[in-house]
Amino acid sequence: MTYKEDDKMRVVSGEYGGRPLKAVKGKNTRPTTDKVKESLFHMIGPYFSGGTALDLYSGSGSLGIEAVSRGMDQAYLVDKHPLAIKTIYENVAMTKEADKFIVWKKTDQQALDWLQTHTIMFDLVLLDPPYEKQDLGTIIHQLISSKLVNPKALIVCETDKDTVLDISHTHLTLLKEKVYGLSKITVYEWRPEDD
């Protein structure tokens, strides 16, 4: 879907609530609408008492910025497209707290490889890839096998409403799944302490 410049996005709630966000121009990015974003965060929060978030297909940075606005200490915002990175930097500047964000121009695999070698762990993972790239099972298994998720971490997937996520892992629990228009939100929780 092409996002027109006159379409409005904003931070929905929290410290930056109401502040405008820029969308990435062109057809490579399909932004999460404010309505879906608000519903998503009500499913998993809606607020947090600290933690680190990973927004792996960040686009405009909207989801990661929303997570920090709602109480996460820090967010890694990753995208491989130069226009997306430019937009992320502009949106991070709006927060006036750039130190809370790490912005990377990397593929998902490059980012995960780097994070694994530096033992960074996350409390919230946001996975909203382009709809043609829906192999989230592989990404989630890599997050787990690489020990990139803390106990009770939430993994949120936004997919096409018809996508079936076949992700089975002993300690990965499906918490919620809901369809919003053409999108589906699926939330998992990592519970390794059940050993």
Protein backbone atom coordinates (compact mmCIF):
# COMPACT_ATOMS: atom_id res chain seq x y z
CA MET A 1 0.00 0.00 0.00
CA THR A 2 1.28 3.48 -0.77
CA TYR A 3 1.19 5.81 2.19
CA LYS A 4 0.39 9.35 1.08
CA GLU A 5 2.21 12.23 2.69
CA ASP A 6 -1.05 13.82 3.83
CA ASP A 7 -2.03 10.66 5.78
CA LYS A 8 -1.38 11.33 9.46
CA MET A 9 0.48 9.10 11.87
CA ARG A 10 1.19 9.88 15.49
CA VAL A 11 2.43 8.43 18.73
CA VAL A 12 -0.77 7.16 20.30
CA SER A 13 -0.01 7.29 24.03
CA GLY A 14 2.63 7.70 26.71
CA GLU A 15 5.42 10.23 27.06
CA TYR A 16 5.38 11.22 23.37
CA GLY A 17 1.61 10.78 22.97
CA GLY A 18 0.04 12.92 20.25
CA ARG A 19 3.31 13.85 18.55
CA PRO A 20 3.23 13.48 14.75
CA LEU A 21 5.25 10.81 12.95
CA LYS A 22 6.41 10.81 9.35
CA ALA A 23 5.67 7.86 7.08
CA VAL A 24 8.15 6.36 4.65
CA LYS A 25 7.38 7.54 1.11
CA GLY A 26 6.81 4.96 -1.60
CA LYS A 27 5.47 1.42 -1.76
CA ASN A 28 8.12 -0.52 0.17
CA THR A 29 6.54 0.16 3.55
CA ARG A 30 3.09 -0.67 4.87
CA PRO A 31 2.65 1.37 8.04
CA THR A 32 0.64 0.11 10.99
CA THR A 33 -2.41 2.34 11.36
CA ASP A 34 -2.87 4.24 14.61
CA LYS A 35 -5.97 2.17 15.36
CA VAL A 36 -4.12 -1.14 14.99
CA LYS A 37 -1.13 0.24 16.90
CA GLU A 38 -3.34 1.28 19.81
CA SER A 39 -5.03 -2.13 19.85
CA LEU A 40 -1.66 -3.90 19.65
CA PHE A 41 -0.28 -2.08 22.68
CA HIS A 42 -3.46 -2.65 24.66
CA MET A 43 -2.95 -6.37 24.00
CA ILE A 44 0.57 -6.38 25.44
CA GLY A 45 0.71 -3.49 27.92
CA PRO A 46 -0.49 -0.95 27.46
CA TYR A 47 2.45 0.47 29.47
CA PHE A 48 5.81 -0.94 30.52
CA SER A 49 8.10 -0.51 33.50
CA GLY A 50 11.38 -0.51 31.61
CA GLY A 51 12.98 -3.04 29.30
CA THR A 52 14.50 -3.15 25.82
CA ALA A 53 12.56 -3.49 22.56
CA LEU A 54 13.61 -4.73 19.12
CA ASP A 55 11.66 -3.42 16.11
CA LEU A 56 13.21 -5.61 13.41
CA TYR A 57 11.35 -4.35 10.31
CA SER A 58 10.99 -0.84 11.58
CA GLY A 59 9.78 1.12 8.55
CA SER A 60 9.07 4.55 10.05
CA GLY A 61 10.10 3.47 13.56
CA SER A 62 6.53 3.93 14.73
CA LEU A 63 6.18 0.74 16.79
CA GLY A 64 9.54 1.01 18.54
CA ILE A 65 8.97 4.68 19.32
CA GLU A 66 5.53 3.83 20.71
CA ALA A 67 7.10 1.16 22.95
CA VAL A 68 9.55 3.68 24.43
CA SER A 69 6.81 6.27 24.77
CA ARG A 70 4.90 3.71 26.85
CA GLY A 71 7.79 2.94 29.19
CA MET A 72 10.46 0.82 27.50
CA ASP A 73 13.96 2.09 28.34
CA GLN A 74 15.39 1.62 24.87
CA ALA A 75 14.52 0.40 21.37
CA TYR A 76 16.60 -0.96 18.50
CA LEU A 77 15.05 0.21 15.21
CA VAL A 78 16.23 -1.89 12.26
CA ASP A 79 15.46 -1.57 8.56
CA LYS A 80 17.41 -2.24 5.37
CA HIS A 81 15.90 0.51 3.20
CA PRO A 82 17.71 3.90 3.10
CA LEU A 83 14.43 5.87 2.91
CA ALA A 84 13.15 4.05 5.98
CA ILE A 85 16.34 4.83 7.92
CA LYS A 86 16.07 8.51 6.97
CA THR A 87 12.46 8.57 8.20
CA ILE A 88 13.35 6.73 11.42
CA TYR A 89 16.01 9.33 12.24
CA GLU A 90 13.49 12.13 11.63
CA ASN A 91 10.93 10.46 13.88
CA VAL A 92 13.47 9.73 16.61
CA ALA A 93 14.49 13.42 16.53
CA MET A 94 10.86 14.28 17.32
CA THR A 95 11.17 12.46 20.66
CA LYS A 96 14.08 14.70 21.74
CA GLU A 97 15.50 11.58 23.41
CA ALA A 98 17.67 10.10 20.67
CA ASP A 99 19.83 8.32 23.28
CA LYS A 100 16.94 5.89 23.86
CA PHE A 101 17.09 4.60 20.27
CA ILE A 102 19.64 2.59 18.30
CA VAL A 103 18.97 2.94 14.55
CA TRP A 104 20.51 0.38 12.20
CA LYS A 105 20.52 0.04 8.42
CA LYS A 106 20.79 -3.74 8.36
CA THR A 107 18.90 -6.77 7.11
CA ASP A 108 17.09 -8.83 9.73
CA GLN A 109 19.85 -11.46 9.54
CA GLN A 110 22.69 -8.94 9.88
CA ALA A 111 21.01 -7.45 12.95
CA LEU A 112 20.39 -10.82 14.61
CA ASP A 113 23.97 -11.96 13.95
CA TRP A 114 25.37 -8.78 15.54
CA LEU A 115 23.04 -8.99 18.53
CA GLN A 116 23.99 -12.60 19.16
CA THR A 117 27.71 -11.83 19.24
CA HIS A 118 27.08 -8.96 21.69
CA THR A 119 24.62 -10.85 23.93
CA ILE A 120 21.88 -8.19 23.79
CA MET A 121 18.56 -9.47 25.15
CA PHE A 122 15.06 -8.12 24.63
CA ASP A 123 11.84 -7.88 26.60
CA LEU A 124 9.70 -6.98 23.59
CA VAL A 125 10.22 -7.99 19.95
CA LEU A 126 8.11 -6.37 17.22
CA LEU A 127 7.99 -8.23 13.90
CA ASP A 128 6.08 -6.46 11.13
CA PRO A 129 7.80 -7.50 7.89
CA PRO A 130 6.52 -6.77 4.38
CA TYR A 131 3.63 -9.14 3.70
CA GLU A 132 5.62 -10.97 1.03
CA LYS A 133 8.22 -11.88 3.68
CA GLN A 134 6.22 -13.92 6.15
CA ASP A 135 8.75 -16.54 7.27
CA LEU A 136 8.59 -15.37 10.86
CA GLY A 137 8.98 -18.90 12.23
CA THR A 138 12.66 -18.93 11.24
CA ILE A 139 13.25 -15.49 12.77
CA ILE A 140 11.53 -16.41 16.05
CA HIS A 141 13.46 -19.68 16.34
CA GLN A 142 16.69 -17.75 15.77
CA LEU A 143 15.75 -15.21 18.46
CA ILE A 144 15.26 -18.10 20.89
CA SER A 145 18.25 -20.25 19.89
CA SER A 146 20.53 -17.20 19.95
CA LYS A 147 19.29 -16.34 23.46
CA LEU A 148 18.13 -12.86 22.43
CA VAL A 149 14.90 -12.88 24.47
CA ASN A 150 14.58 -12.51 28.24
CA PRO A 151 12.21 -14.71 30.25
CA LYS A 152 8.60 -13.53 29.80
CA ALA A 153 9.58 -11.53 26.72
CA LEU A 154 6.73 -10.78 24.35
CA ILE A 155 7.08 -11.42 20.61
CA VAL A 156 4.51 -9.55 18.53
CA CYS A 157 3.90 -10.48 14.88
CA GLU A 158 1.87 -8.37 12.47
CA THR A 159 0.97 -10.32 9.35
CA ASP A 160 -1.60 -10.51 6.60
CA LYS A 161 -4.88 -11.72 8.10
CA ASP A 162 -4.69 -14.99 6.11
CA THR A 163 -1.15 -15.87 7.18
CA VAL A 164 -0.94 -18.96 9.38
CA LEU A 165 2.03 -18.86 11.74
CA ASP A 166 3.15 -22.41 12.46
CA ILE A 167 5.56 -21.73 15.29
CA SER A 168 5.97 -24.49 17.83
CA HIS A 169 8.43 -24.38 20.68
CA THR A 170 8.09 -25.99 24.09
CA HIS A 171 8.41 -22.73 26.00
CA LEU A 172 6.77 -20.34 23.53
CA THR A 173 3.15 -19.67 24.46
CA LEU A 174 0.57 -18.17 22.12
CA LEU A 175 -1.08 -15.47 24.24
CA LYS A 176 -3.37 -13.64 21.82
CA GLU A 177 -4.36 -13.46 18.18
CA LYS A 178 -6.69 -10.90 16.65
CA VAL A 179 -7.59 -9.72 13.15
CA TYR A 180 -7.92 -6.00 12.36
CA GLY A 181 -9.07 -5.44 8.79
CA LEU A 182 -6.35 -6.86 6.51
CA SER A 183 -3.88 -7.33 9.38
CA LYS A 184 -3.51 -9.97 12.06
CA ILE A 185 -1.69 -9.45 15.37
CA THR A 186 -0.25 -12.56 17.05
CA VAL A 187 1.42 -12.33 20.47
CA TYR A 188 3.73 -14.96 21.96
CA GLU A 189 5.42 -15.11 25.36
CA TRP A 190 8.77 -16.80 25.99
CA ARG A 191 8.67 -18.85 29.21
CA PRO A 192 11.96 -20.76 29.61
CA GLU A 193 11.56 -20.90 33.40
CA ASP A 194 8.97 -23.66 32.88
CA ASP A 195 11.90 -26.12 32.56
